[in-house]
């Protein structure tokens, strides 16, 4: 189970919401993600790990981050596949 709440702001959990937040709130990152469509869950995971290899800034307490294992990659992929 995720270390944060099970659902968060309409997303599957805090980790999924946090990744979506960082992807959608920076115009350059958002445009990059949109240019790489279509996404599968696996592709979304690879791209996000490339963009944030140590996790998002919110996921780096003490330099360790287990949070990517809790991200709903299907939900991230679906978000960027929407027109």
PDB file of N, CA and C in Angstrom:
ATOM      1  N   UNK A   1       0.840  -1.175   0.000  1.00  0.00           N
ATOM      2  CA  UNK A   1       0.000   0.000   0.000  1.00  0.00           C
ATOM      3  C   UNK A   1       0.887   1.240   0.000  1.00  0.00           C
ATOM      4  N   UNK A   2       0.407   2.259  -0.646  1.00  0.00           N
ATOM      5  CA  UNK A   2       1.112   3.529  -0.758  1.00  0.00           C
ATOM      6  C   UNK A   2       1.323   4.175   0.607  1.00  0.00           C
ATOM      7  N   UNK A   3       2.453   4.874   0.791  1.00  0.00           N
ATOM      8  CA  UNK A   3       2.668   5.557   2.068  1.00  0.00           C
ATOM      9  C   UNK A   3       1.773   6.781   2.231  1.00  0.00           C
ATOM     10  N   UNK A   4       1.119   7.233   1.160  1.00  0.00           N
ATOM     11  CA  UNK A   4       0.212   8.384   1.224  1.00  0.00           C
ATOM     12  C   UNK A   4      -1.232   7.888   1.098  1.00  0.00           C
ATOM     13  N   UNK A   5      -2.173   8.808   1.040  1.00  0.00           N
ATOM     14  CA  UNK A   5      -3.592   8.458   0.947  1.00  0.00           C
ATOM     15  C   UNK A   5      -3.872   7.607  -0.299  1.00  0.00           C
ATOM     16  N   UNK A   6      -4.898   6.759  -0.218  1.00  0.00           N
ATOM     17  CA  UNK A   6      -5.234   5.884  -1.335  1.00  0.00           C
ATOM     18  C   UNK A   6      -5.723   6.634  -2.565  1.00  0.00           C
ATOM     19  N   UNK A   7      -6.503   7.685  -2.397  1.00  0.00           N
ATOM     20  CA  UNK A   7      -6.899   8.539  -3.516  1.00  0.00           C
ATOM     21  C   UNK A   7      -6.529   9.970  -3.158  1.00  0.00           C
ATOM     22  N   UNK A   8      -6.276  10.766  -4.186  1.00  0.00           N
ATOM     23  CA  UNK A   8      -5.818  12.120  -3.912  1.00  0.00           C
ATOM     24  C   UNK A   8      -6.194  13.043  -5.057  1.00  0.00           C
ATOM     25  N   UNK A   9      -6.997  14.043  -4.784  1.00  0.00           N
ATOM     26  CA  UNK A   9      -7.389  15.069  -5.758  1.00  0.00           C
ATOM     27  C   UNK A   9      -7.852  14.489  -7.093  1.00  0.00           C
ATOM     28  N   UNK A  10      -8.609  13.409  -7.051  1.00  0.00           N
ATOM     29  CA  UNK A  10      -9.140  12.805  -8.263  1.00  0.00           C
ATOM     30  C   UNK A  10      -8.199  11.829  -8.945  1.00  0.00           C
ATOM     31  N   UNK A  11      -7.017  11.623  -8.401  1.00  0.00           N
ATOM     32  CA  UNK A  11      -6.038  10.699  -8.960  1.00  0.00           C
ATOM     33  C   UNK A  11      -6.018   9.430  -8.112  1.00  0.00           C
ATOM     34  N   UNK A  12      -5.403   8.395  -8.621  1.00  0.00           N
ATOM     35  CA  UNK A  12      -5.368   7.099  -7.928  1.00  0.00           C
ATOM     36  C   UNK A  12      -4.774   7.204  -6.528  1.00  0.00           C
ATOM     37  N   UNK A  13      -3.746   8.043  -6.373  1.00  0.00           N
ATOM     38  CA  UNK A  13      -3.077   8.207  -5.084  1.00  0.00           C
ATOM     39  C   UNK A  13      -2.185   9.452  -5.142  1.00  0.00           C
ATOM     40  N   UNK A  14      -1.535   9.766  -4.041  1.00  0.00           N
ATOM     41  CA  UNK A  14      -0.681  10.954  -3.973  1.00  0.00           C
ATOM     42  C   UNK A  14       0.459  10.879  -4.975  1.00  0.00           C
ATOM     43  N   UNK A  15       1.075   9.716  -5.114  1.00  0.00           N
ATOM     44  CA  UNK A  15       2.223   9.566  -5.997  1.00  0.00           C
ATOM     45  C   UNK A  15       1.854   9.843  -7.454  1.00  0.00           C
ATOM     46  N   UNK A  16       0.706   9.333  -7.891  1.00  0.00           N
ATOM     47  CA  UNK A  16       0.245   9.565  -9.260  1.00  0.00           C
ATOM     48  C   UNK A  16      -0.079  11.039  -9.455  1.00  0.00           C
ATOM     49  N   UNK A  17      -0.777  11.631  -8.504  1.00  0.00           N
ATOM     50  CA  UNK A  17      -1.094  13.056  -8.567  1.00  0.00           C
ATOM     51  C   UNK A  17       0.174  13.891  -8.630  1.00  0.00           C
ATOM     52  N   UNK A  18       1.171  13.545  -7.826  1.00  0.00           N
ATOM     53  CA  UNK A  18       2.395  14.333  -7.769  1.00  0.00           C
ATOM     54  C   UNK A  18       3.154  14.276  -9.087  1.00  0.00           C
ATOM     55  N   UNK A  19       3.255  13.109  -9.700  1.00  0.00           N
ATOM     56  CA  UNK A  19       3.902  13.003 -11.004  1.00  0.00           C
ATOM     57  C   UNK A  19       3.132  13.827 -12.030  1.00  0.00           C
ATOM     58  N   UNK A  20       1.812  13.697 -12.059  1.00  0.00           N
ATOM     59  CA  UNK A  20       0.994  14.471 -13.001  1.00  0.00           C
ATOM     60  C   UNK A  20       1.169  15.971 -12.765  1.00  0.00           C
ATOM     61  N   UNK A  21       1.247  16.373 -11.518  1.00  0.00           N
ATOM     62  CA  UNK A  21       1.438  17.788 -11.187  1.00  0.00           C
ATOM     63  C   UNK A  21       2.730  18.317 -11.809  1.00  0.00           C
ATOM     64  N   UNK A  22       3.826  17.601 -11.615  1.00  0.00           N
ATOM     65  CA  UNK A  22       5.115  18.045 -12.146  1.00  0.00           C
ATOM     66  C   UNK A  22       5.143  18.001 -13.671  1.00  0.00           C
ATOM     67  N   UNK A  23       4.440  17.075 -14.277  1.00  0.00           N
ATOM     68  CA  UNK A  23       4.409  16.990 -15.735  1.00  0.00           C
ATOM     69  C   UNK A  23       3.540  18.075 -16.359  1.00  0.00           C
ATOM     70  N   UNK A  24       2.461  18.439 -15.689  1.00  0.00           N
ATOM     71  CA  UNK A  24       1.503  19.383 -16.252  1.00  0.00           C
ATOM     72  C   UNK A  24       1.758  20.841 -15.887  1.00  0.00           C
ATOM     73  N   UNK A  25       2.529  21.113 -14.857  1.00  0.00           N
ATOM     74  CA  UNK A  25       2.681  22.491 -14.376  1.00  0.00           C
ATOM     75  C   UNK A  25       3.903  23.216 -14.913  1.00  0.00           C
ATOM     76  N   UNK A  26       4.700  22.552 -15.728  1.00  0.00           N
ATOM     77  CA  UNK A  26       5.849  23.191 -16.363  1.00  0.00           C
ATOM     78  C   UNK A  26       5.613  23.119 -17.866  1.00  0.00           C
ATOM     79  N   UNK A  27       5.532  24.269 -18.533  1.00  0.00           N
ATOM     80  CA  UNK A  27       5.153  24.276 -19.944  1.00  0.00           C
ATOM     81  C   UNK A  27       6.105  23.463 -20.816  1.00  0.00           C
ATOM     82  N   UNK A  28       7.391  23.559 -20.584  1.00  0.00           N
ATOM     83  CA  UNK A  28       8.360  22.814 -21.383  1.00  0.00           C
ATOM     84  C   UNK A  28       8.178  21.304 -21.210  1.00  0.00           C
ATOM     85  N   UNK A  29       7.996  20.868 -19.983  1.00  0.00           N
ATOM     86  CA  UNK A  29       7.788  19.444 -19.717  1.00  0.00           C
ATOM     87  C   UNK A  29       6.468  18.979 -20.319  1.00  0.00           C
ATOM     88  N   UNK A  30       5.424  19.791 -20.152  1.00  0.00           N
ATOM     89  CA  UNK A  30       4.109  19.464 -20.704  1.00  0.00           C
ATOM     90  C   UNK A  30       4.186  19.296 -22.218  1.00  0.00           C
ATOM     91  N   UNK A  31       4.826  20.233 -22.890  1.00  0.00           N
ATOM     92  CA  UNK A  31       4.953  20.159 -24.353  1.00  0.00           C
ATOM     93  C   UNK A  31       5.764  18.926 -24.772  1.00  0.00           C
ATOM     94  N   UNK A  32       6.804  18.626 -24.023  1.00  0.00           N
ATOM     95  CA  UNK A  32       7.615  17.439 -24.310  1.00  0.00           C
ATOM     96  C   UNK A  32       6.755  16.182 -24.210  1.00  0.00           C
ATOM     97  N   UNK A  33       5.995  16.076 -23.139  1.00  0.00           N
ATOM     98  CA  UNK A  33       5.125  14.913 -22.955  1.00  0.00           C
ATOM     99  C   UNK A  33       4.105  14.810 -24.084  1.00  0.00           C
ATOM    100  N   UNK A  34       3.494  15.921 -24.445  1.00  0.00           N
ATOM    101  CA  UNK A  34       2.485  15.908 -25.513  1.00  0.00           C
ATOM    102  C   UNK A  34       3.106  15.493 -26.854  1.00  0.00           C
ATOM    103  N   UNK A  35       4.353  15.885 -27.077  1.00  0.00           N
ATOM    104  CA  UNK A  35       5.012  15.561 -28.344  1.00  0.00           C
ATOM    105  C   UNK A  35       5.359  14.081 -28.457  1.00  0.00           C
ATOM    106  N   UNK A  36       5.392  13.372 -27.357  1.00  0.00           N
ATOM    107  CA  UNK A  36       5.771  11.961 -27.349  1.00  0.00           C
ATOM    108  C   UNK A  36       4.578  11.005 -27.406  1.00  0.00           C
ATOM    109  N   UNK A  37       3.373  11.546 -27.538  1.00  0.00           N
ATOM    110  CA  UNK A  37       2.190  10.685 -27.607  1.00  0.00           C
ATOM    111  C   UNK A  37       2.224   9.814 -28.841  1.00  0.00           C
ATOM    112  N   UNK A  38       1.577   8.663 -28.796  1.00  0.00           N
ATOM    113  CA  UNK A  38       0.754   8.112 -27.725  1.00  0.00           C
ATOM    114  C   UNK A  38       1.605   7.397 -26.668  1.00  0.00           C
ATOM    115  N   UNK A  39       1.024   7.291 -25.475  1.00  0.00           N
ATOM    116  CA  UNK A  39       1.697   6.655 -24.353  1.00  0.00           C
ATOM    117  C   UNK A  39       1.053   5.331 -24.005  1.00  0.00           C
ATOM    118  N   UNK A  40       1.879   4.383 -23.652  1.00  0.00           N
ATOM    119  CA  UNK A  40       1.454   3.178 -22.961  1.00  0.00           C
ATOM    120  C   UNK A  40       1.897   3.395 -21.518  1.00  0.00           C
ATOM    121  N   UNK A  41       1.419   2.627 -20.573  1.00  0.00           N
ATOM    122  CA  UNK A  41       1.904   2.775 -19.201  1.00  0.00           C
ATOM    123  C   UNK A  41       3.427   2.610 -19.115  1.00  0.00           C
ATOM    124  N   UNK A  42       3.975   1.640 -19.844  1.00  0.00           N
ATOM    125  CA  UNK A  42       5.425   1.398 -19.814  1.00  0.00           C
ATOM    126  C   UNK A  42       6.192   2.594 -20.367  1.00  0.00           C
ATOM    127  N   UNK A  43       5.729   3.147 -21.469  1.00  0.00           N
ATOM    128  CA  UNK A  43       6.396   4.310 -22.066  1.00  0.00           C
ATOM    129  C   UNK A  43       6.323   5.501 -21.125  1.00  0.00           C
ATOM    130  N   UNK A  44       5.176   5.710 -20.497  1.00  0.00           N
ATOM    131  CA  UNK A  44       5.038   6.819 -19.543  1.00  0.00           C
ATOM    132  C   UNK A  44       6.050   6.668 -18.411  1.00  0.00           C
ATOM    133  N   UNK A  45       6.190   5.479 -17.903  1.00  0.00           N
ATOM    134  CA  UNK A  45       7.136   5.218 -16.810  1.00  0.00           C
ATOM    135  C   UNK A  45       8.568   5.512 -17.246  1.00  0.00           C
ATOM    136  N   UNK A  46       8.944   5.065 -18.436  1.00  0.00           N
ATOM    137  CA  UNK A  46      10.297   5.292 -18.943  1.00  0.00           C
ATOM    138  C   UNK A  46      10.570   6.784 -19.116  1.00  0.00           C
ATOM    139  N   UNK A  47       9.630   7.495 -19.726  1.00  0.00           N
ATOM    140  CA  UNK A  47       9.817   8.930 -19.965  1.00  0.00           C
ATOM    141  C   UNK A  47       9.895   9.697 -18.648  1.00  0.00           C
ATOM    142  N   UNK A  48       9.016   9.405 -17.720  1.00  0.00           N
ATOM    143  CA  UNK A  48       9.016  10.112 -16.436  1.00  0.00           C
ATOM    144  C   UNK A  48      10.311   9.828 -15.676  1.00  0.00           C
ATOM    145  N   UNK A  49      10.753   8.598 -15.675  1.00  0.00           N
ATOM    146  CA  UNK A  49      12.018   8.275 -14.988  1.00  0.00           C
ATOM    147  C   UNK A  49      13.207   8.960 -15.662  1.00  0.00           C
ATOM    148  N   UNK A  50      13.110   9.195 -16.964  1.00  0.00           N
ATOM    149  CA  UNK A  50      14.161   9.935 -17.659  1.00  0.00           C
ATOM    150  C   UNK A  50      14.128  11.416 -17.252  1.00  0.00           C
ATOM    151  N   UNK A  51      12.928  11.980 -17.182  1.00  0.00           N
ATOM    152  CA  UNK A  51      12.781  13.393 -16.811  1.00  0.00           C
ATOM    153  C   UNK A  51      13.120  13.647 -15.346  1.00  0.00           C
ATOM    154  N   UNK A  52      12.743  12.713 -14.478  1.00  0.00           N
ATOM    155  CA  UNK A  52      12.954  12.846 -13.034  1.00  0.00           C
ATOM    156  C   UNK A  52      13.635  11.579 -12.511  1.00  0.00           C
ATOM    157  N   UNK A  53      14.920  11.380 -12.818  1.00  0.00           N
ATOM    158  CA  UNK A  53      15.589  10.126 -12.443  1.00  0.00           C
ATOM    159  C   UNK A  53      15.641   9.862 -10.939  1.00  0.00           C
ATOM    160  N   UNK A  54      15.588  10.897 -10.135  1.00  0.00           N
ATOM    161  CA  UNK A  54      15.607  10.720  -8.677  1.00  0.00           C
ATOM    162  C   UNK A  54      14.235  10.938  -8.064  1.00  0.00           C
ATOM    163  N   UNK A  55      13.206  10.942  -8.893  1.00  0.00           N
ATOM    164  CA  UNK A  55      11.865  11.239  -8.423  1.00  0.00           C
ATOM    165  C   UNK A  55      11.591  12.723  -8.545  1.00  0.00           C
ATOM    166  N   UNK A  56      10.346  13.100  -8.439  1.00  0.00           N
ATOM    167  CA  UNK A  56      10.029  14.527  -8.463  1.00  0.00           C
ATOM    168  C   UNK A  56      10.653  15.164  -7.221  1.00  0.00           C
ATOM    169  N   UNK A  57      10.818  16.480  -7.222  1.00  0.00           N
ATOM    170  CA  UNK A  57      11.381  17.124  -6.027  1.00  0.00           C
ATOM    171  C   UNK A  57      10.616  16.804  -4.738  1.00  0.00           C
ATOM    172  N   UNK A  58       9.328  16.542  -4.849  1.00  0.00           N
ATOM    173  CA  UNK A  58       8.527  16.200  -3.668  1.00  0.00           C
ATOM    174  C   UNK A  58       8.765  14.767  -3.198  1.00  0.00           C
ATOM    175  N   UNK A  59       9.369  13.952  -4.038  1.00  0.00           N
ATOM    176  CA  UNK A  59       9.559  12.538  -3.725  1.00  0.00           C
ATOM    177  C   UNK A  59      10.949  12.222  -3.183  1.00  0.00           C
ATOM    178  N   UNK A  60      11.741  13.220  -2.875  1.00  0.00           N
ATOM    179  CA  UNK A  60      13.128  12.963  -2.516  1.00  0.00           C
ATOM    180  C   UNK A  60      13.464  13.203  -1.052  1.00  0.00           C
ATOM    181  N   UNK A  61      12.699  12.683  -0.131  1.00  0.00           N
ATOM    182  CA  UNK A  61      13.071  12.869   1.272  1.00  0.00           C
ATOM    183  C   UNK A  61      14.334  12.079   1.602  1.00  0.00           C
ATOM    184  N   UNK A  62      15.347  12.755   2.058  1.00  0.00           N
ATOM    185  CA  UNK A  62      16.572  12.080   2.439  1.00  0.00           C
ATOM    186  C   UNK A  62      17.318  11.424   1.292  1.00  0.00           C
ATOM    187  N   UNK A  63      16.996  11.810   0.052  1.00  0.00           N
ATOM    188  CA  UNK A  63      17.706  11.266  -1.088  1.00  0.00           C
ATOM    189  C   UNK A  63      17.246   9.896  -1.542  1.00  0.00           C
ATOM    190  N   UNK A  64      16.262   9.314  -0.894  1.00  0.00           N
ATOM    191  CA  UNK A  64      15.758   8.001  -1.297  1.00  0.00           C
ATOM    192  C   UNK A  64      14.300   8.164  -1.706  1.00  0.00           C
ATOM    193  N   UNK A  65      13.893   7.458  -2.725  1.00  0.00           N
ATOM    194  CA  UNK A  65      12.489   7.562  -3.124  1.00  0.00           C
ATOM    195  C   UNK A  65      11.954   6.206  -3.575  1.00  0.00           C
ATOM    196  N   UNK A  66      11.043   5.648  -2.849  1.00  0.00           N
ATOM    197  CA  UNK A  66      10.387   4.412  -3.287  1.00  0.00           C
ATOM    198  C   UNK A  66       9.062   4.691  -4.007  1.00  0.00           C
ATOM    199  N   UNK A  67       8.762   5.956  -4.220  1.00  0.00           N
ATOM    200  CA  UNK A  67       7.414   6.342  -4.625  1.00  0.00           C
ATOM    201  C   UNK A  67       7.005   5.931  -6.031  1.00  0.00           C
ATOM    202  N   UNK A  68       7.928   5.815  -6.979  1.00  0.00           N
ATOM    203  CA  UNK A  68       7.531   5.450  -8.341  1.00  0.00           C
ATOM    204  C   UNK A  68       6.809   4.104  -8.377  1.00  0.00           C
ATOM    205  N   UNK A  69       7.098   3.237  -7.433  1.00  0.00           N
ATOM    206  CA  UNK A  69       6.423   1.941  -7.434  1.00  0.00           C
ATOM    207  C   UNK A  69       4.929   2.065  -7.172  1.00  0.00           C
ATOM    208  N   UNK A  70       4.485   3.208  -6.653  1.00  0.00           N
ATOM    209  CA  UNK A  70       3.072   3.411  -6.345  1.00  0.00           C
ATOM    210  C   UNK A  70       2.325   4.209  -7.409  1.00  0.00           C
ATOM    211  N   UNK A  71       3.047   4.754  -8.394  1.00  0.00           N
ATOM    212  CA  UNK A  71       2.407   5.564  -9.431  1.00  0.00           C
ATOM    213  C   UNK A  71       1.541   4.671 -10.316  1.00  0.00           C
ATOM    214  N   UNK A  72       0.341   5.135 -10.617  1.00  0.00           N
ATOM    215  CA  UNK A  72      -0.553   4.446 -11.545  1.00  0.00           C
ATOM    216  C   UNK A  72      -0.165   4.906 -12.951  1.00  0.00           C
ATOM    217  N   UNK A  73       0.713   4.152 -13.606  1.00  0.00           N
ATOM    218  CA  UNK A  73       1.242   4.555 -14.907  1.00  0.00           C
ATOM    219  C   UNK A  73       0.167   4.550 -15.983  1.00  0.00           C
ATOM    220  N   UNK A  74      -0.854   3.708 -15.832  1.00  0.00           N
ATOM    221  CA  UNK A  74      -1.980   3.724 -16.770  1.00  0.00           C
ATOM    222  C   UNK A  74      -2.680   5.080 -16.723  1.00  0.00           C
ATOM    223  N   UNK A  75      -2.848   5.599 -15.533  1.00  0.00           N
ATOM    224  CA  UNK A  75      -3.515   6.891 -15.372  1.00  0.00           C
ATOM    225  C   UNK A  75      -2.669   8.030 -15.955  1.00  0.00           C
ATOM    226  N   UNK A  76      -1.363   7.982 -15.760  1.00  0.00           N
ATOM    227  CA  UNK A  76      -0.478   8.997 -16.339  1.00  0.00           C
ATOM    228  C   UNK A  76      -0.531   8.930 -17.865  1.00  0.00           C
ATOM    229  N   UNK A  77      -0.465   7.723 -18.420  1.00  0.00           N
ATOM    230  CA  UNK A  77      -0.533   7.552 -19.867  1.00  0.00           C
ATOM    231  C   UNK A  77      -1.856   8.079 -20.419  1.00  0.00           C
ATOM    232  N   UNK A  78      -2.954   7.727 -19.767  1.00  0.00           N
ATOM    233  CA  UNK A  78      -4.268   8.174 -20.226  1.00  0.00           C
ATOM    234  C   UNK A  78      -4.391   9.690 -20.190  1.00  0.00           C
ATOM    235  N   UNK A  79      -3.810  10.314 -19.174  1.00  0.00           N
ATOM    236  CA  UNK A  79      -3.864  11.769 -19.051  1.00  0.00           C
ATOM    237  C   UNK A  79      -3.199  12.433 -20.259  1.00  0.00           C
ATOM    238  N   UNK A  80      -2.063  11.935 -20.689  1.00  0.00           N
ATOM    239  CA  UNK A  80      -1.373  12.556 -21.807  1.00  0.00           C
ATOM    240  C   UNK A  80      -1.878  12.085 -23.174  1.00  0.00           C
ATOM    241  N   UNK A  81      -2.632  11.030 -23.214  1.00  0.00           N
ATOM    242  CA  UNK A  81      -3.208  10.587 -24.480  1.00  0.00           C
ATOM    243  C   UNK A  81      -4.499  11.331 -24.789  1.00  0.00           C
ATOM    244  N   UNK A  82      -5.067  12.021 -23.823  1.00  0.00           N
ATOM    245  CA  UNK A  82      -6.286  12.799 -24.068  1.00  0.00           C
ATOM    246  C   UNK A  82      -5.982  13.960 -24.997  1.00  0.00           C
ATOM    247  N   UNK A  83      -6.924  14.276 -25.841  1.00  0.00           N
ATOM    248  CA  UNK A  83      -6.760  15.426 -26.764  1.00  0.00           C
ATOM    249  C   UNK A  83      -6.914  16.714 -26.056  1.00  0.00           C
TER     250      UNK A  83
END
